[in-house]
Structure formats: C-alpha cells, structure tokens
C-alpha cells in the first residue's frame, strides 16, 4: 500500500514541516553524503524550527513474553509522533519498504 500523501494523512501539518525542512537540508548539503550527516543536520534544523527530536531512539521488541531491549534504533523521532528513517539512496527498494513495515508493526506510531 503506498504511503498517504502528506496533505491528507495523519499529522499532515507536521509532515509538511518535516518535508520542507528535509528539502532545505538536502539542498544545503547536496547529494552524495552518507546517511549520518543528513540525519544530524535534519535533527538540528527541526530543533531550530521548534520541534522535539530524538536521534537514535531505542526501540524494544516483544514477542511471546520475551523482551529484546534495543532491538532497533529509529533514526529520528519527531515530536513523539513521526518516525523518520534516513536513506541516502537513489530510490527505495523492497528491503526499505519491509524495514518501514516492521517498524510500524512494533511501534505505536501506526497510521489509522
């Protein structure tokens, strides 16, 4: 299922702000860097815009009574609402999509 358009999905206002800041950061830095510089600069720019941003937010995994602490690290968590996974690639592939589905399945940040 394709993602909802930012103007119609949940948290549309925040999503528009994030996209605008992300485009600004990419324009300022250019292409060709690894993910980490984009991640840190995007987090900084979002904080400058007044948002709460957690980088490398720890995500635990629970399965049938087993708790796996720190099973995954979210690249960015914005305003305790939107999860951002930073990718420095030409295009997203099936593995990237599977990663996002997995994150959605183990977090409370699911779309309705």
Protein backbone atom coordinates (compact mmCIF):
# COMPACT_ATOMS: atom_id res chain seq x y z
CA UNK A 1 0.00 0.00 0.00
CA UNK A 2 1.53 3.37 -0.97
CA UNK A 3 2.02 5.93 1.79
CA UNK A 4 -0.63 8.58 2.24
CA UNK A 5 0.06 11.96 0.72
CA UNK A 6 1.28 14.41 3.39
CA UNK A 7 -1.61 16.77 2.83
CA UNK A 8 -4.21 14.09 3.62
CA UNK A 9 -2.56 11.69 6.07
CA UNK A 10 -2.34 11.72 9.81
CA UNK A 11 -0.19 14.52 11.24
CA UNK A 12 -0.38 16.32 7.89
CA UNK A 13 0.79 19.68 9.25
CA UNK A 14 3.85 18.18 10.94
CA UNK A 15 4.61 16.07 7.87
CA UNK A 16 4.59 19.17 5.65
CA UNK A 17 7.00 20.94 8.01
CA UNK A 18 9.33 17.91 8.10
CA UNK A 19 9.35 17.64 4.31
CA UNK A 20 10.11 21.34 3.91
CA UNK A 21 13.00 21.15 6.37
CA UNK A 22 14.28 17.94 4.75
CA UNK A 23 14.31 19.55 1.30
CA UNK A 24 16.14 22.56 2.74
CA UNK A 25 18.79 20.33 4.36
CA UNK A 26 19.27 18.31 1.18
CA UNK A 27 19.58 21.47 -0.92
CA UNK A 28 22.13 22.90 1.52
CA UNK A 29 24.24 19.75 1.78
CA UNK A 30 23.86 18.45 -1.74
CA UNK A 31 23.90 14.81 -2.76
CA UNK A 32 26.45 12.10 -2.09
CA UNK A 33 26.89 12.10 1.68
CA UNK A 34 26.29 9.14 3.95
CA UNK A 35 23.07 8.98 5.96
CA UNK A 36 24.56 10.23 9.26
CA UNK A 37 25.31 13.83 8.17
CA UNK A 38 21.79 14.17 6.75
CA UNK A 39 20.32 12.70 9.93
CA UNK A 40 22.20 15.02 12.27
CA UNK A 41 21.62 18.13 10.15
CA UNK A 42 17.92 17.33 9.75
CA UNK A 43 17.59 16.83 13.51
CA UNK A 44 19.32 20.17 14.12
CA UNK A 45 17.15 22.01 11.59
CA UNK A 46 13.96 20.53 13.04
CA UNK A 47 15.02 21.56 16.54
CA UNK A 48 15.75 25.06 15.23
CA UNK A 49 12.18 25.07 13.89
CA UNK A 50 10.89 24.34 17.41
CA UNK A 51 10.37 20.58 17.30
CA UNK A 52 11.42 17.93 19.79
CA UNK A 53 13.72 15.46 18.02
CA UNK A 54 15.24 12.30 19.42
CA UNK A 55 18.05 10.76 17.37
CA UNK A 56 18.77 7.04 17.53
CA UNK A 57 15.68 6.43 19.67
CA UNK A 58 15.83 2.93 21.12
CA UNK A 59 13.08 0.55 20.14
CA UNK A 60 12.41 -2.61 22.13
CA UNK A 61 10.82 -5.69 20.64
CA UNK A 62 8.45 -8.00 22.49
CA UNK A 63 7.41 -11.44 21.33
CA UNK A 64 5.51 -14.03 23.35
CA UNK A 65 6.78 -12.83 26.70
CA UNK A 66 10.35 -12.18 25.52
CA UNK A 67 11.60 -8.61 25.63
CA UNK A 68 14.51 -7.74 23.33
CA UNK A 69 15.82 -4.38 24.52
CA UNK A 70 17.31 -2.03 21.94
CA UNK A 71 16.26 -4.30 19.08
CA UNK A 72 16.25 -1.35 16.71
CA UNK A 73 17.26 2.30 16.62
CA UNK A 74 14.95 4.82 14.98
CA UNK A 75 16.91 7.43 13.02
CA UNK A 76 14.69 10.30 14.18
CA UNK A 77 11.56 10.60 16.28
CA UNK A 78 9.89 13.99 15.85
CA UNK A 79 7.52 15.38 18.50
CA UNK A 80 6.95 11.84 19.82
CA UNK A 81 4.74 11.37 16.76
CA UNK A 82 6.58 10.85 13.47
CA UNK A 83 9.36 8.32 12.84
CA UNK A 84 11.92 9.24 10.17
CA UNK A 85 14.26 6.70 8.62
CA UNK A 86 17.01 8.44 6.68
CA UNK A 87 18.09 6.85 3.41
CA UNK A 88 20.89 8.15 1.19
CA UNK A 89 19.94 6.14 -1.90
CA UNK A 90 18.73 6.85 -5.42
CA UNK A 91 15.47 5.03 -4.81
CA UNK A 92 13.80 2.94 -2.15
CA UNK A 93 13.75 -0.80 -2.72
CA UNK A 94 11.68 -3.69 -1.32
CA UNK A 95 14.03 -4.08 1.65
CA UNK A 96 13.50 -0.44 2.65
CA UNK A 97 9.74 -0.89 2.43
CA UNK A 98 9.94 -4.06 4.55
CA UNK A 99 12.00 -2.18 7.14
CA UNK A 100 9.32 0.51 7.42
CA UNK A 101 6.55 -2.09 7.72
CA UNK A 102 8.50 -3.80 10.51
CA UNK A 103 8.95 -0.53 12.36
CA UNK A 104 5.23 0.19 12.03
CA UNK A 105 4.35 -3.26 13.35
CA UNK A 106 6.43 -2.89 16.54
CA UNK A 107 5.76 0.74 17.41
CA UNK A 108 2.78 2.79 18.45
CA UNK A 109 3.40 5.15 15.52
CA UNK A 110 0.98 3.43 13.16
CA UNK A 111 -1.32 5.32 10.85
CA UNK A 112 -5.06 4.74 11.47
